[in-house]
PDB file of N, CA and C in Angstrom:
ATOM      1  N   LEU A   1      -0.818   0.319 -34.359  1.00  0.00           N
ATOM      2  CA  LEU A   1      -1.131   1.254 -33.297  1.00  0.00           C
ATOM      3  C   LEU A   1      -0.090   2.356 -33.244  1.00  0.00           C
ATOM      4  N   GLY A   2      -0.551   3.555 -33.033  1.00  0.00           N
ATOM      5  CA  GLY A   2       0.367   4.674 -32.905  1.00  0.00           C
ATOM      6  C   GLY A   2       0.717   4.923 -31.456  1.00  0.00           C
ATOM      7  N   ARG A   3       1.782   5.670 -31.245  1.00  0.00           N
ATOM      8  CA  ARG A   3       2.187   6.021 -29.885  1.00  0.00           C
ATOM      9  C   ARG A   3       2.203   7.537 -29.749  1.00  0.00           C
ATOM     10  N   ALA A   4       1.836   7.995 -28.578  1.00  0.00           N
ATOM     11  CA  ALA A   4       1.887   9.431 -28.318  1.00  0.00           C
ATOM     12  C   ALA A   4       3.341   9.877 -28.268  1.00  0.00           C
ATOM     13  N   LYS A   5       3.611  11.033 -28.789  1.00  0.00           N
ATOM     14  CA  LYS A   5       4.975  11.557 -28.792  1.00  0.00           C
ATOM     15  C   LYS A   5       5.333  12.179 -27.452  1.00  0.00           C
ATOM     16  N   GLN A   6       4.329  12.594 -26.694  1.00  0.00           N
ATOM     17  CA  GLN A   6       4.573  13.140 -25.367  1.00  0.00           C
ATOM     18  C   GLN A   6       3.333  12.930 -24.503  1.00  0.00           C
ATOM     19  N   ALA A   7       3.547  12.932 -23.190  1.00  0.00           N
ATOM     20  CA  ALA A   7       2.434  12.755 -22.256  1.00  0.00           C
ATOM     21  C   ALA A   7       1.644  14.053 -22.154  1.00  0.00           C
ATOM     22  N   VAL A   8       0.354  13.920 -22.003  1.00  0.00           N
ATOM     23  CA  VAL A   8      -0.509  15.082 -21.816  1.00  0.00           C
ATOM     24  C   VAL A   8      -0.980  15.055 -20.366  1.00  0.00           C
ATOM     25  N   ALA A   9      -0.634  16.075 -19.608  1.00  0.00           N
ATOM     26  CA  ALA A   9      -1.006  16.130 -18.197  1.00  0.00           C
ATOM     27  C   ALA A   9      -2.204  17.046 -18.018  1.00  0.00           C
ATOM     28  N   ALA A  10      -3.212  16.525 -17.344  1.00  0.00           N
ATOM     29  CA  ALA A  10      -4.395  17.330 -17.039  1.00  0.00           C
ATOM     30  C   ALA A  10      -4.188  18.030 -15.703  1.00  0.00           C
ATOM     31  N   THR A  11      -4.885  19.113 -15.497  1.00  0.00           N
ATOM     32  CA  THR A  11      -4.842  19.809 -14.220  1.00  0.00           C
ATOM     33  C   THR A  11      -5.566  18.956 -13.190  1.00  0.00           C
ATOM     34  N   PRO A  12      -4.921  18.650 -12.042  1.00  0.00           N
ATOM     35  CA  PRO A  12      -5.560  17.813 -11.029  1.00  0.00           C
ATOM     36  C   PRO A  12      -6.862  18.429 -10.528  1.00  0.00           C
ATOM     37  N   VAL A  13      -7.846  17.578 -10.274  1.00  0.00           N
ATOM     38  CA  VAL A  13      -9.137  18.008  -9.747  1.00  0.00           C
ATOM     39  C   VAL A  13      -9.411  17.199  -8.487  1.00  0.00           C
ATOM     40  N   SER A  14      -9.785  17.868  -7.417  1.00  0.00           N
ATOM     41  CA  SER A  14     -10.089  17.200  -6.167  1.00  0.00           C
ATOM     42  C   SER A  14     -11.481  16.585  -6.220  1.00  0.00           C
ATOM     43  N   GLY A  15     -11.631  15.398  -5.608  1.00  0.00           N
ATOM     44  CA  GLY A  15     -12.934  14.739  -5.542  1.00  0.00           C
ATOM     45  C   GLY A  15     -13.167  13.835  -6.728  1.00  0.00           C
ATOM     46  N   GLY A  16     -14.380  13.333  -6.858  1.00  0.00           N
ATOM     47  CA  GLY A  16     -14.719  12.459  -7.970  1.00  0.00           C
ATOM     48  C   GLY A  16     -14.721  11.000  -7.561  1.00  0.00           C
ATOM     49  N   THR A  17     -14.745  10.137  -8.543  1.00  0.00           N
ATOM     50  CA  THR A  17     -14.799   8.698  -8.324  1.00  0.00           C
ATOM     51  C   THR A  17     -13.670   8.026  -9.079  1.00  0.00           C
ATOM     52  N   PHE A  18     -13.013   7.084  -8.428  1.00  0.00           N
ATOM     53  CA  PHE A  18     -11.963   6.304  -9.062  1.00  0.00           C
ATOM     54  C   PHE A  18     -12.479   4.882  -9.231  1.00  0.00           C
ATOM     55  N   LYS A  19     -12.446   4.375 -10.436  1.00  0.00           N
ATOM     56  CA  LYS A  19     -12.877   3.005 -10.702  1.00  0.00           C
ATOM     57  C   LYS A  19     -11.698   2.238 -11.272  1.00  0.00           C
ATOM     58  N   ALA A  20     -11.502   1.027 -10.762  1.00  0.00           N
ATOM     59  CA  ALA A  20     -10.409   0.189 -11.248  1.00  0.00           C
ATOM     60  C   ALA A  20     -10.912  -1.238 -11.391  1.00  0.00           C
ATOM     61  N   ALA A  21     -10.379  -1.943 -12.346  1.00  0.00           N
ATOM     62  CA  ALA A  21     -10.752  -3.339 -12.567  1.00  0.00           C
ATOM     63  C   ALA A  21      -9.490  -4.184 -12.614  1.00  0.00           C
ATOM     64  N   GLY A  22      -9.604  -5.393 -12.176  1.00  0.00           N
ATOM     65  CA  GLY A  22      -8.470  -6.318 -12.209  1.00  0.00           C
ATOM     66  C   GLY A  22      -8.877  -7.613 -12.862  1.00  0.00           C
ATOM     67  N   TRP A  23      -7.917  -8.312 -13.404  1.00  0.00           N
ATOM     68  CA  TRP A  23      -8.219  -9.556 -14.121  1.00  0.00           C
ATOM     69  C   TRP A  23      -8.664 -10.669 -13.187  1.00  0.00           C
ATOM     70  N   SER A  24      -8.333 -10.569 -11.894  1.00  0.00           N
ATOM     71  CA  SER A  24      -8.740 -11.635 -10.973  1.00  0.00           C
ATOM     72  C   SER A  24      -9.748 -11.141  -9.944  1.00  0.00           C
ATOM     73  N   SER A  25     -10.527 -10.135 -10.287  1.00  0.00           N
ATOM     74  CA  SER A  25     -11.520  -9.600  -9.358  1.00  0.00           C
ATOM     75  C   SER A  25     -12.595 -10.636  -9.058  1.00  0.00           C
ATOM     76  N   SER A  26     -13.115 -10.590  -7.836  1.00  0.00           N
ATOM     77  CA  SER A  26     -14.157 -11.537  -7.443  1.00  0.00           C
ATOM     78  C   SER A  26     -15.000 -10.927  -6.332  1.00  0.00           C
ATOM     79  N   THR A  27     -15.991 -11.656  -5.892  1.00  0.00           N
ATOM     80  CA  THR A  27     -16.834 -11.188  -4.796  1.00  0.00           C
ATOM     81  C   THR A  27     -16.079 -11.215  -3.470  1.00  0.00           C
ATOM     82  N   ALA A  28     -14.902 -11.839  -3.438  1.00  0.00           N
ATOM     83  CA  ALA A  28     -14.089 -11.884  -2.219  1.00  0.00           C
ATOM     84  C   ALA A  28     -13.152 -10.684  -2.108  1.00  0.00           C
ATOM     85  N   ASP A  29     -13.174  -9.778  -3.093  1.00  0.00           N
ATOM     86  CA  ASP A  29     -12.308  -8.595  -3.048  1.00  0.00           C
ATOM     87  C   ASP A  29     -12.555  -7.827  -1.756  1.00  0.00           C
ATOM     88  N   THR A  30     -11.494  -7.254  -1.213  1.00  0.00           N
ATOM     89  CA  THR A  30     -11.618  -6.544   0.053  1.00  0.00           C
ATOM     90  C   THR A  30     -10.685  -5.343   0.096  1.00  0.00           C
ATOM     91  N   LEU A  31     -11.049  -4.366   0.904  1.00  0.00           N
ATOM     92  CA  LEU A  31     -10.170  -3.240   1.203  1.00  0.00           C
ATOM     93  C   LEU A  31      -9.578  -3.392   2.599  1.00  0.00           C
ATOM     94  N   ASP A  32      -9.867  -4.515   3.250  1.00  0.00           N
ATOM     95  CA  ASP A  32      -9.356  -4.796   4.588  1.00  0.00           C
ATOM     96  C   ASP A  32      -8.037  -5.555   4.452  1.00  0.00           C
ATOM     97  N   PRO A  33      -6.906  -4.918   4.774  1.00  0.00           N
ATOM     98  CA  PRO A  33      -5.620  -5.595   4.622  1.00  0.00           C
ATOM     99  C   PRO A  33      -5.527  -6.908   5.400  1.00  0.00           C
ATOM    100  N   ALA A  34      -6.259  -7.018   6.507  1.00  0.00           N
ATOM    101  CA  ALA A  34      -6.218  -8.246   7.299  1.00  0.00           C
ATOM    102  C   ALA A  34      -6.910  -9.408   6.595  1.00  0.00           C
ATOM    103  N   LYS A  35      -7.773  -9.117   5.630  1.00  0.00           N
ATOM    104  CA  LYS A  35      -8.501 -10.166   4.912  1.00  0.00           C
ATOM    105  C   LYS A  35      -7.974 -10.376   3.494  1.00  0.00           C
ATOM    106  N   ALA A  36      -6.983  -9.599   3.091  1.00  0.00           N
ATOM    107  CA  ALA A  36      -6.453  -9.696   1.731  1.00  0.00           C
ATOM    108  C   ALA A  36      -5.775 -11.049   1.525  1.00  0.00           C
ATOM    109  N   SER A  37      -6.083 -11.703   0.401  1.00  0.00           N
ATOM    110  CA  SER A  37      -5.466 -12.996   0.125  1.00  0.00           C
ATOM    111  C   SER A  37      -4.971 -13.130  -1.313  1.00  0.00           C
ATOM    112  N   LEU A  38      -5.449 -12.289  -2.206  1.00  0.00           N
ATOM    113  CA  LEU A  38      -5.044 -12.363  -3.607  1.00  0.00           C
ATOM    114  C   LEU A  38      -4.027 -11.269  -3.923  1.00  0.00           C
ATOM    115  N   SER A  39      -3.268 -11.461  -4.983  1.00  0.00           N
ATOM    116  CA  SER A  39      -2.294 -10.437  -5.365  1.00  0.00           C
ATOM    117  C   SER A  39      -2.980  -9.116  -5.680  1.00  0.00           C
ATOM    118  N   THR A  40      -4.181  -9.178  -6.244  1.00  0.00           N
ATOM    119  CA  THR A  40      -4.902  -7.932  -6.538  1.00  0.00           C
ATOM    120  C   THR A  40      -5.320  -7.229  -5.247  1.00  0.00           C
ATOM    121  N   ASP A  41      -5.634  -7.992  -4.191  1.00  0.00           N
ATOM    122  CA  ASP A  41      -5.927  -7.389  -2.888  1.00  0.00           C
ATOM    123  C   ASP A  41      -4.689  -6.647  -2.386  1.00  0.00           C
ATOM    124  N   TYR A  42      -3.532  -7.275  -2.529  1.00  0.00           N
ATOM    125  CA  TYR A  42      -2.280  -6.669  -2.074  1.00  0.00           C
ATOM    126  C   TYR A  42      -2.027  -5.353  -2.804  1.00  0.00           C
ATOM    127  N   VAL A  43      -2.167  -5.361  -4.116  1.00  0.00           N
ATOM    128  CA  VAL A  43      -1.949  -4.147  -4.910  1.00  0.00           C
ATOM    129  C   VAL A  43      -2.941  -3.067  -4.501  1.00  0.00           C
ATOM    130  N   ARG A  44      -4.201  -3.446  -4.346  1.00  0.00           N
ATOM    131  CA  ARG A  44      -5.246  -2.490  -3.968  1.00  0.00           C
ATOM    132  C   ARG A  44      -4.936  -1.878  -2.600  1.00  0.00           C
ATOM    133  N   CYS A  45      -4.616  -2.717  -1.627  1.00  0.00           N
ATOM    134  CA  CYS A  45      -4.350  -2.217  -0.277  1.00  0.00           C
ATOM    135  C   CYS A  45      -3.093  -1.345  -0.235  1.00  0.00           C
ATOM    136  N   CYS A  46      -2.047  -1.730  -0.975  1.00  0.00           N
ATOM    137  CA  CYS A  46      -0.820  -0.918  -0.992  1.00  0.00           C
ATOM    138  C   CYS A  46      -1.035   0.413  -1.694  1.00  0.00           C
ATOM    139  N   SER A  47      -2.043   0.484  -2.543  1.00  0.00           N
ATOM    140  CA  SER A  47      -2.355   1.743  -3.221  1.00  0.00           C
ATOM    141  C   SER A  47      -3.135   2.692  -2.320  1.00  0.00           C
ATOM    142  N   LEU A  48      -3.786   2.140  -1.297  1.00  0.00           N
ATOM    143  CA  LEU A  48      -4.658   2.948  -0.443  1.00  0.00           C
ATOM    144  C   LEU A  48      -4.100   3.231   0.943  1.00  0.00           C
ATOM    145  N   TYR A  49      -3.271   2.332   1.452  1.00  0.00           N
ATOM    146  CA  TYR A  49      -2.829   2.443   2.836  1.00  0.00           C
ATOM    147  C   TYR A  49      -1.319   2.518   2.934  1.00  0.00           C
ATOM    148  N   ASN A  50      -0.846   3.196   3.977  1.00  0.00           N
ATOM    149  CA  ASN A  50       0.575   3.185   4.292  1.00  0.00           C
ATOM    150  C   ASN A  50       0.901   1.909   5.045  1.00  0.00           C
ATOM    151  N   ARG A  51       2.156   1.523   5.010  1.00  0.00           N
ATOM    152  CA  ARG A  51       2.613   0.313   5.692  1.00  0.00           C
ATOM    153  C   ARG A  51       3.564   0.686   6.824  1.00  0.00           C
ATOM    154  N   LEU A  52       3.758  -0.214   7.756  1.00  0.00           N
ATOM    155  CA  LEU A  52       4.742   0.018   8.807  1.00  0.00           C
ATOM    156  C   LEU A  52       6.139   0.041   8.200  1.00  0.00           C
ATOM    157  N   THR A  53       6.414  -0.906   7.316  1.00  0.00           N
ATOM    158  CA  THR A  53       7.695  -0.992   6.616  1.00  0.00           C
ATOM    159  C   THR A  53       7.431  -1.367   5.166  1.00  0.00           C
ATOM    160  N   PHE A  54       8.454  -1.285   4.337  1.00  0.00           N
ATOM    161  CA  PHE A  54       8.343  -1.738   2.951  1.00  0.00           C
ATOM    162  C   PHE A  54       9.707  -2.232   2.493  1.00  0.00           C
ATOM    163  N   LEU A  55       9.709  -2.976   1.412  1.00  0.00           N
ATOM    164  CA  LEU A  55      10.961  -3.448   0.832  1.00  0.00           C
ATOM    165  C   LEU A  55      11.374  -2.504  -0.282  1.00  0.00           C
ATOM    166  N   ASP A  56      12.619  -2.061  -0.257  1.00  0.00           N
ATOM    167  CA  ASP A  56      13.101  -1.174  -1.314  1.00  0.00           C
ATOM    168  C   ASP A  56      13.489  -1.997  -2.542  1.00  0.00           C
ATOM    169  N   LYS A  57      14.011  -1.332  -3.565  1.00  0.00           N
ATOM    170  CA  LYS A  57      14.322  -2.015  -4.827  1.00  0.00           C
ATOM    171  C   LYS A  57      15.395  -3.083  -4.662  1.00  0.00           C
ATOM    172  N   ASP A  58      16.174  -3.011  -3.570  1.00  0.00           N
ATOM    173  CA  ASP A  58      17.203  -4.016  -3.304  1.00  0.00           C
ATOM    174  C   ASP A  58      16.714  -5.109  -2.358  1.00  0.00           C
ATOM    175  N   GLY A  59      15.418  -5.055  -1.985  1.00  0.00           N
ATOM    176  CA  GLY A  59      14.847  -6.060  -1.095  1.00  0.00           C
ATOM    177  C   GLY A  59      15.160  -5.833   0.375  1.00  0.00           C
ATOM    178  N   LYS A  60      15.623  -4.632   0.714  1.00  0.00           N
ATOM    179  CA  LYS A  60      15.945  -4.321   2.102  1.00  0.00           C
ATOM    180  C   LYS A  60      14.766  -3.613   2.761  1.00  0.00           C
ATOM    181  N   THR A  61      14.539  -3.924   4.031  1.00  0.00           N
ATOM    182  CA  THR A  61      13.441  -3.321   4.782  1.00  0.00           C
ATOM    183  C   THR A  61      13.725  -1.850   5.056  1.00  0.00           C
ATOM    184  N   GLN A  62      12.745  -1.012   4.743  1.00  0.00           N
ATOM    185  CA  GLN A  62      12.817   0.420   5.012  1.00  0.00           C
ATOM    186  C   GLN A  62      11.614   0.803   5.875  1.00  0.00           C
ATOM    187  N   MET A  63      11.774   1.811   6.696  1.00  0.00           N
ATOM    188  CA  MET A  63      10.693   2.265   7.562  1.00  0.00           C
ATOM    189  C   MET A  63       9.741   3.177   6.793  1.00  0.00           C
ATOM    190  N   GLU A  64       8.439   3.001   7.010  1.00  0.00           N
ATOM    191  CA  GLU A  64       7.453   3.921   6.442  1.00  0.00           C
ATOM    192  C   GLU A  64       6.727   4.600   7.603  1.00  0.00           C
ATOM    193  N   LEU A  65       5.752   3.937   8.217  1.00  0.00           N
ATOM    194  CA  LEU A  65       5.073   4.511   9.383  1.00  0.00           C
ATOM    195  C   LEU A  65       5.804   4.173  10.678  1.00  0.00           C
ATOM    196  N   ALA A  66       6.529   3.072  10.681  1.00  0.00           N
ATOM    197  CA  ALA A  66       7.292   2.679  11.866  1.00  0.00           C
ATOM    198  C   ALA A  66       8.592   3.468  11.920  1.00  0.00           C
ATOM    199  N   GLU A  67       8.986   3.814  13.126  1.00  0.00           N
ATOM    200  CA  GLU A  67      10.287   4.443  13.334  1.00  0.00           C
ATOM    201  C   GLU A  67      11.303   3.369  13.699  1.00  0.00           C
ATOM    202  N   SER A  68      10.817   2.369  14.435  1.00  0.00           N
ATOM    203  CA  SER A  68      11.667   1.240  14.804  1.00  0.00           C
ATOM    204  C   SER A  68      10.776   0.081  15.225  1.00  0.00           C
ATOM    205  N   PHE A  69      11.362  -1.110  15.258  1.00  0.00           N
ATOM    206  CA  PHE A  69      10.651  -2.264  15.800  1.00  0.00           C
ATOM    207  C   PHE A  69      11.665  -3.182  16.449  1.00  0.00           C
ATOM    208  N   ASP A  70      11.183  -3.948  17.451  1.00  0.00           N
ATOM    209  CA  ASP A  70      12.080  -4.794  18.221  1.00  0.00           C
ATOM    210  C   ASP A  70      11.326  -6.027  18.694  1.00  0.00           C
ATOM    211  N   THR A  71      12.036  -7.124  18.834  1.00  0.00           N
ATOM    212  CA  THR A  71      11.477  -8.347  19.399  1.00  0.00           C
ATOM    213  C   THR A  71      12.575  -9.084  20.151  1.00  0.00           C
ATOM    214  N   LYS A  72      12.189  -9.735  21.216  1.00  0.00           N
ATOM    215  CA  LYS A  72      13.147 -10.535  21.972  1.00  0.00           C
ATOM    216  C   LYS A  72      12.968 -12.024  21.689  1.00  0.00           C
ATOM    217  N   ASP A  73      11.773 -12.407  21.192  1.00  0.00           N
ATOM    218  CA  ASP A  73      11.482 -13.827  21.001  1.00  0.00           C
ATOM    219  C   ASP A  73      10.835 -14.153  19.653  1.00  0.00           C
ATOM    220  N   ALA A  74      10.718 -13.186  18.766  1.00  0.00           N
ATOM    221  CA  ALA A  74      10.078 -13.346  17.445  1.00  0.00           C
ATOM    222  C   ALA A  74       8.601 -13.724  17.561  1.00  0.00           C
ATOM    223  N   LYS A  75       8.022 -13.554  18.751  1.00  0.00           N
ATOM    224  CA  LYS A  75       6.594 -13.806  18.956  1.00  0.00           C
ATOM    225  C   LYS A  75       5.867 -12.509  19.300  1.00  0.00           C
ATOM    226  N   THR A  76       6.502 -11.687  20.105  1.00  0.00           N
ATOM    227  CA  THR A  76       5.931 -10.414  20.521  1.00  0.00           C
ATOM    228  C   THR A  76       6.819  -9.297  19.978  1.00  0.00           C
ATOM    229  N   TRP A  77       6.189  -8.363  19.281  1.00  0.00           N
ATOM    230  CA  TRP A  77       6.931  -7.277  18.643  1.00  0.00           C
ATOM    231  C   TRP A  77       6.502  -5.938  19.229  1.00  0.00           C
ATOM    232  N   THR A  78       7.448  -5.040  19.406  1.00  0.00           N
ATOM    233  CA  THR A  78       7.178  -3.668  19.810  1.00  0.00           C
ATOM    234  C   THR A  78       7.521  -2.775  18.626  1.00  0.00           C
ATOM    235  N   VAL A  79       6.531  -2.002  18.173  1.00  0.00           N
ATOM    236  CA  VAL A  79       6.723  -1.107  17.031  1.00  0.00           C
ATOM    237  C   VAL A  79       6.552   0.321  17.520  1.00  0.00           C
ATOM    238  N   LYS A  80       7.561   1.153  17.286  1.00  0.00           N
ATOM    239  CA  LYS A  80       7.471   2.573  17.624  1.00  0.00           C
ATOM    240  C   LYS A  80       7.073   3.307  16.352  1.00  0.00           C
ATOM    241  N   LEU A  81       5.944   4.017  16.423  1.00  0.00           N
ATOM    242  CA  LEU A  81       5.446   4.752  15.264  1.00  0.00           C
ATOM    243  C   LEU A  81       6.102   6.121  15.164  1.00  0.00           C
ATOM    244  N   ARG A  82       6.207   6.608  13.947  1.00  0.00           N
ATOM    245  CA  ARG A  82       6.736   7.957  13.723  1.00  0.00           C
ATOM    246  C   ARG A  82       5.836   8.981  14.417  1.00  0.00           C
ATOM    247  N   LYS A  83       6.385  10.120  14.757  1.00  0.00           N
ATOM    248  CA  LYS A  83       5.626  11.194  15.398  1.00  0.00           C
ATOM    249  C   LYS A  83       4.472  11.611  14.483  1.00  0.00           C
ATOM    250  N   GLY A  84       3.284  11.772  15.077  1.00  0.00           N
ATOM    251  CA  GLY A  84       2.107  12.203  14.323  1.00  0.00           C
ATOM    252  C   GLY A  84       1.312  11.070  13.701  1.00  0.00           C
ATOM    253  N   VAL A  85       1.785   9.832  13.836  1.00  0.00           N
ATOM    254  CA  VAL A  85       1.089   8.681  13.257  1.00  0.00           C
ATOM    255  C   VAL A  85       0.200   8.049  14.321  1.00  0.00           C
ATOM    256  N   THR A  86      -1.045   7.780  13.967  1.00  0.00           N
ATOM    257  CA  THR A  86      -1.981   7.095  14.853  1.00  0.00           C
ATOM    258  C   THR A  86      -2.331   5.755  14.237  1.00  0.00           C
ATOM    259  N   PHE A  87      -2.198   4.684  15.001  1.00  0.00           N
ATOM    260  CA  PHE A  87      -2.558   3.354  14.519  1.00  0.00           C
ATOM    261  C   PHE A  87      -4.043   3.133  14.745  1.00  0.00           C
ATOM    262  N   HIS A  88      -4.764   2.737  13.678  1.00  0.00           N
ATOM    263  CA  HIS A  88      -6.188   2.430  13.832  1.00  0.00           C
ATOM    264  C   HIS A  88      -6.607   1.352  12.895  1.00  0.00           C
TER     265      HIS A  88
END
């Protein structure tokens, strides 16, 4: 097999259809993060949706949509969203 000597970048085009396949795809696949249970669901959802927080390359929590979060009992959490973010 040969390898390309350089990447060829196409001019971006808005719209169209994106199709993706995974090795563990099934009829249980979902785009609902609350119903995700497989690693492929996790990858799919993280590709489509923003998260409140994420882990950086060092495994430390970083804020994404959340500005801060707090709990007094580890049962009830208060999350302050960044300005302009709507939770739905």
